[in-house]
Amino acid sequence: MIKIISFTICPFVQRVTALLEAKNIPYEIEFIELSDKPDWFLEISPNGQVPVLLTENGVALFESDAIVEYIDEITPALNENADPIERAQDRAWGYQATKQYLVQCSTMRSRDQITFNDRFAKLKKSFDRVEKRLSEAPYFSGSELGNVDIAWLPLLHRAQIVRNVSGYDMFRDYPKLRNWQDQLEKTGLYERSISDDFQGKFINFYLNEETFLGRGASDNETHCKSESQPSVCC
C-alpha cells in the first residue's frame, strides 16, 4: 500500500489525498510537524516539504505535481475520454490552482484589513480567470469530476471554512466558483481528504484572534500596510 507523509493543514497534501479518495485508492498516511521535521523525513524529501509519497516498493516521490502524475500513470484517469489536448489544458488549469495555495495561505494569515485586501487582490486575479472559464456544469469540464476539480479543491474547501467560521465569503462576487464549491462539497471529498483534527488546527492557525479573518473581518485597522509574515502552512 502506498503511504503519504503529511502535515495536517497543507493544501498540497490535500490535493493528493483528494485524488486518491476520488479514485478509491487505499493508502496510509503519517503526519509530521514541519517545525520539528524528523531526520528520516529529511533523508527522503530533497526539498524538506510535504507531501511525500512512498510507493509500495518504498521509493519516495516528492512535489505534488509529480505525485499526481504518478498516481494518474498507475491508475485509470478520472476522465478517461479526455484527449491529449484536453489533458494538457487540464494540467495547465491545475497549475493555476497550485500557484495560489500559498497566496491563499498568506491572505488568510493577514493580521489587518489593509494587508488582507492587498493579498486578496492577488488571489482574485486567479478567481477572475477561472470564473470566466467555468460553465453552469457541476464540474470544471462538465458533468464528470476531473483533475482540475481536484487541484482547485483545497482552495475551495478552505474558502468554505473561512465563510462558515468568519462570515467572510471569498466567492461573494463569483457565482460560478460558489456553485463549483458547493458541487465539490456534495462529493464528500472535502471531509474524506482531511484528518479528523484538520478543521480545529486550521481554525487555530488561520482564524484566531491574531488574524483579520479570525476577528470576523469586521475591524477597520489601518496600521502596517506591508506585513512581513511568512506562510508556514506547508
Protein backbone atom coordinates (compact mmCIF):
# COMPACT_ATOMS: atom_id res chain seq x y z
CA MET A 1 0.00 0.00 0.00
CA ILE A 2 1.25 3.47 -0.79
CA LYS A 3 1.91 5.90 2.05
CA ILE A 4 1.58 9.68 2.25
CA ILE A 5 3.73 11.78 4.56
CA SER A 6 1.70 14.80 5.52
CA PHE A 7 1.35 17.99 7.53
CA THR A 8 -2.24 18.31 8.71
CA ILE A 9 -3.31 21.59 7.08
CA CYS A 10 -1.14 21.51 3.96
CA PRO A 11 -3.17 22.19 0.75
CA PHE A 12 -0.62 20.38 -1.41
CA VAL A 13 -1.22 17.23 0.63
CA GLN A 14 -4.99 17.59 0.37
CA ARG A 15 -4.70 17.76 -3.40
CA VAL A 16 -3.01 14.35 -3.34
CA THR A 17 -5.33 12.72 -0.79
CA ALA A 18 -8.39 14.09 -2.60
CA LEU A 19 -7.22 12.42 -5.82
CA LEU A 20 -6.61 9.14 -4.01
CA GLU A 21 -10.06 9.35 -2.44
CA ALA A 22 -11.71 10.22 -5.74
CA LYS A 23 -10.12 7.14 -7.31
CA ASN A 24 -10.83 4.94 -4.27
CA ILE A 25 -7.14 4.07 -3.92
CA PRO A 26 -6.23 2.75 -0.46
CA TYR A 27 -3.34 4.49 1.28
CA GLU A 28 -1.74 5.04 4.65
CA ILE A 29 -0.92 8.47 5.98
CA GLU A 30 1.60 9.67 8.55
CA PHE A 31 1.64 13.19 9.93
CA ILE A 32 4.74 15.13 10.90
CA GLU A 33 5.31 18.59 12.37
CA LEU A 34 7.07 20.93 9.97
CA SER A 35 8.57 22.81 12.90
CA ASP A 36 10.30 19.61 14.02
CA LYS A 37 10.97 17.53 10.92
CA PRO A 38 12.31 14.06 11.76
CA ASP A 39 15.67 13.06 10.32
CA TRP A 40 14.16 10.12 8.41
CA PHE A 41 11.84 12.54 6.61
CA LEU A 42 14.67 14.90 5.62
CA GLU A 43 16.55 11.91 4.21
CA ILE A 44 13.71 11.03 1.81
CA SER A 45 12.46 14.54 0.96
CA PRO A 46 15.04 16.51 -1.05
CA ASN A 47 13.13 19.77 -0.57
CA GLY A 48 12.13 19.09 3.03
CA GLN A 49 8.47 19.61 2.17
CA VAL A 50 5.26 17.59 2.16
CA PRO A 51 3.67 15.74 0.55
CA VAL A 52 5.92 12.76 0.06
CA LEU A 53 4.50 9.57 -1.39
CA LEU A 54 6.16 6.27 -0.59
CA THR A 55 5.41 3.71 -3.29
CA GLU A 56 4.63 0.11 -2.43
CA ASN A 57 8.31 -0.59 -3.11
CA GLY A 58 9.40 2.12 -0.68
CA VAL A 59 10.50 4.67 -3.28
CA ALA A 60 9.96 8.25 -2.13
CA LEU A 61 8.30 10.69 -4.54
CA PHE A 62 8.09 14.41 -3.79
CA GLU A 63 6.41 17.53 -5.27
CA SER A 64 2.62 17.31 -5.56
CA ASP A 65 2.62 17.79 -9.36
CA ALA A 66 4.90 14.78 -9.80
CA ILE A 67 2.93 12.72 -7.29
CA VAL A 68 -0.38 13.43 -9.03
CA GLU A 69 1.10 12.48 -12.40
CA TYR A 70 2.44 9.25 -10.91
CA ILE A 71 -0.98 8.37 -9.47
CA ASP A 72 -2.57 9.02 -12.87
CA GLU A 73 0.01 6.81 -14.59
CA ILE A 74 -0.65 3.79 -12.37
CA THR A 75 -4.45 4.12 -12.17
CA PRO A 76 -7.33 4.86 -14.58
CA ALA A 77 -7.85 8.57 -15.25
CA LEU A 78 -10.85 10.28 -13.70
CA ASN A 79 -11.84 11.38 -17.21
CA GLU A 80 -10.74 8.56 -19.46
CA ASN A 81 -12.27 10.18 -22.56
CA ALA A 82 -10.04 13.27 -22.47
CA ASP A 83 -7.75 13.63 -25.50
CA PRO A 84 -4.11 14.81 -25.26
CA ILE A 85 -5.05 18.46 -25.79
CA GLU A 86 -7.71 18.31 -23.09
CA ARG A 87 -5.29 16.63 -20.69
CA ALA A 88 -2.69 19.33 -21.35
CA GLN A 89 -5.28 22.04 -20.75
CA ASP A 90 -6.31 20.33 -17.53
CA ARG A 91 -2.71 20.26 -16.31
CA ALA A 92 -2.38 23.97 -17.08
CA TRP A 93 -5.54 24.84 -15.13
CA GLY A 94 -4.30 22.62 -12.32
CA TYR A 95 -1.06 24.60 -12.20
CA GLN A 96 -3.14 27.77 -11.95
CA ALA A 97 -4.63 26.37 -8.77
CA THR A 98 -1.45 25.19 -7.07
CA LYS A 99 0.22 28.56 -7.70
CA GLN A 100 -2.46 30.08 -5.48
CA TYR A 101 -2.18 27.73 -2.49
CA LEU A 102 0.43 29.78 -0.66
CA VAL A 103 -1.19 33.03 -1.79
CA GLN A 104 -4.39 31.93 -0.08
CA CYS A 105 -2.42 30.82 2.98
CA SER A 106 -0.78 34.22 3.38
CA THR A 107 -4.08 36.00 2.72
CA MET A 108 -5.81 34.07 5.49
CA ARG A 109 -2.93 34.83 7.89
CA SER A 110 -3.19 38.60 7.34
CA ARG A 111 -3.27 40.49 10.62
CA ASP A 112 -5.10 43.59 9.42
CA GLN A 113 -7.56 44.68 6.75
CA ILE A 114 -5.10 46.56 4.57
CA THR A 115 -2.74 43.59 4.38
CA PHE A 116 -5.67 41.27 3.75
CA ASN A 117 -7.03 43.43 0.92
CA ASP A 118 -3.61 43.66 -0.69
CA ARG A 119 -3.08 39.90 -0.63
CA PHE A 120 -6.65 39.04 -1.57
CA ALA A 121 -6.38 41.27 -4.65
CA LYS A 122 -3.67 38.93 -5.94
CA LEU A 123 -5.85 35.91 -5.24
CA LYS A 124 -8.81 37.47 -7.01
CA LYS A 125 -6.88 37.66 -10.29
CA SER A 126 -6.87 33.88 -10.35
CA PHE A 127 -10.54 33.75 -9.35
CA ASP A 128 -11.39 36.12 -12.20
CA ARG A 129 -9.76 33.82 -14.75
CA VAL A 130 -11.42 30.63 -13.59
CA GLU A 131 -14.84 32.31 -13.18
CA LYS A 132 -14.72 33.21 -16.88
CA ARG A 133 -13.80 29.64 -17.79
CA LEU A 134 -16.44 27.87 -15.71
CA SER A 135 -19.85 26.97 -17.13
CA GLU A 136 -23.10 26.11 -15.38
CA ALA A 137 -21.97 22.46 -15.21
CA PRO A 138 -21.20 20.99 -11.79
CA TYR A 139 -17.52 20.44 -12.53
CA PHE A 140 -14.78 22.22 -14.42
CA SER A 141 -15.03 20.11 -17.57
CA GLY A 142 -18.72 19.29 -17.41
CA SER A 143 -20.62 16.55 -15.65
CA GLU A 144 -17.60 14.41 -14.73
CA LEU A 145 -15.17 15.04 -11.88
CA GLY A 146 -11.65 15.61 -13.18
CA ASN A 147 -8.13 16.56 -12.17
CA VAL A 148 -8.79 20.30 -12.38
CA ASP A 149 -11.54 19.91 -9.78
CA ILE A 150 -9.10 18.07 -7.54
CA ALA A 151 -6.41 20.74 -7.97
CA TRP A 152 -8.83 23.53 -7.03
CA LEU A 153 -10.46 21.58 -4.21
CA PRO A 154 -8.09 22.77 -1.42
CA LEU A 155 -8.72 26.41 -2.34
CA LEU A 156 -12.48 25.92 -2.48
CA HIS A 157 -12.59 23.94 0.75
CA ARG A 158 -10.56 26.50 2.69
CA ALA A 159 -12.72 29.33 1.40
CA GLN A 160 -15.77 27.43 2.60
CA ILE A 161 -14.37 27.06 6.12
CA VAL A 162 -13.49 30.76 6.19
CA ARG A 163 -17.05 31.64 5.19
CA ASN A 164 -18.62 29.31 7.74
CA VAL A 165 -16.42 30.42 10.63
CA SER A 166 -15.71 34.11 10.00
CA GLY A 167 -18.60 35.06 7.72
CA TYR A 168 -16.23 36.33 5.02
CA ASP A 169 -17.14 34.92 1.59
CA MET A 170 -14.17 34.91 -0.78
CA PHE A 171 -16.56 33.99 -3.59
CA ARG A 172 -19.19 36.65 -2.95
CA ASP A 173 -18.60 38.10 -6.43
CA TYR A 174 -18.09 34.73 -8.12
CA PRO A 175 -21.35 32.79 -8.56
CA LYS A 176 -19.81 30.08 -10.72
CA LEU A 177 -16.98 29.49 -8.27
CA ARG A 178 -19.51 29.35 -5.46
CA ASN A 179 -21.54 26.75 -7.37
CA TRP A 180 -18.37 24.76 -8.04
CA GLN A 181 -17.51 24.94 -4.36
CA ASP A 182 -20.96 23.60 -3.43
CA GLN A 183 -20.85 20.82 -6.02
CA LEU A 184 -17.49 19.58 -4.78
CA GLU A 185 -18.79 19.57 -1.22
CA LYS A 186 -21.54 17.17 -2.34
CA THR A 187 -18.92 14.63 -3.43
CA GLY A 188 -17.77 14.25 0.19
CA LEU A 189 -14.17 14.80 -0.85
CA TYR A 190 -13.67 17.79 1.43
CA GLU A 191 -14.09 15.62 4.52
CA ARG A 192 -12.64 12.41 3.10
CA SER A 193 -9.36 14.08 2.12
CA ILE A 194 -8.52 15.53 5.55
CA SER A 195 -7.78 14.26 9.04
CA ASP A 196 -10.28 14.35 11.90
CA ASP A 197 -8.43 17.22 13.55
CA PHE A 198 -7.98 19.27 10.37
CA GLN A 199 -10.66 21.89 10.99
CA GLY A 200 -9.59 22.57 14.56
CA LYS A 201 -5.96 23.06 13.56
CA PHE A 202 -6.96 25.12 10.54
CA ILE A 203 -9.08 27.47 12.67
CA ASN A 204 -6.39 27.75 15.34
CA PHE A 205 -3.81 28.76 12.74
CA TYR A 206 -5.78 30.93 10.31
CA LEU A 207 -8.87 32.13 12.17
CA ASN A 208 -7.54 33.12 15.56
CA GLU A 209 -7.58 36.50 17.26
CA GLU A 210 -4.31 37.47 15.59
CA THR A 211 -5.82 37.42 12.08
CA PHE A 212 -8.21 39.78 10.37
CA LEU A 213 -10.48 36.88 9.39
CA GLY A 214 -10.33 35.41 12.87
CA ARG A 215 -11.67 38.66 14.30
CA GLY A 216 -14.63 38.38 11.97
CA ALA A 217 -13.16 40.53 9.18
CA SER A 218 -15.01 43.45 10.70
CA ASP A 219 -12.34 45.81 12.00
CA ASN A 220 -11.04 48.79 10.05
CA GLU A 221 -7.46 48.75 11.21
CA THR A 222 -5.15 50.83 9.06
CA HIS A 223 -1.78 50.07 10.57
CA CYS A 224 1.03 48.27 8.77
CA LYS A 225 0.32 48.30 5.05
CA SER A 226 3.08 45.83 4.32
CA GLU A 227 3.27 42.98 6.76
CA SER A 228 6.20 40.62 6.94
CA GLN A 229 4.65 37.32 7.86
CA PRO A 230 5.88 34.20 6.07
CA SER A 231 3.43 31.42 5.40
CA VAL A 232 4.13 28.19 7.21
CA CYS A 233 1.08 26.25 6.11
CA CYS A 234 3.29 23.85 4.19
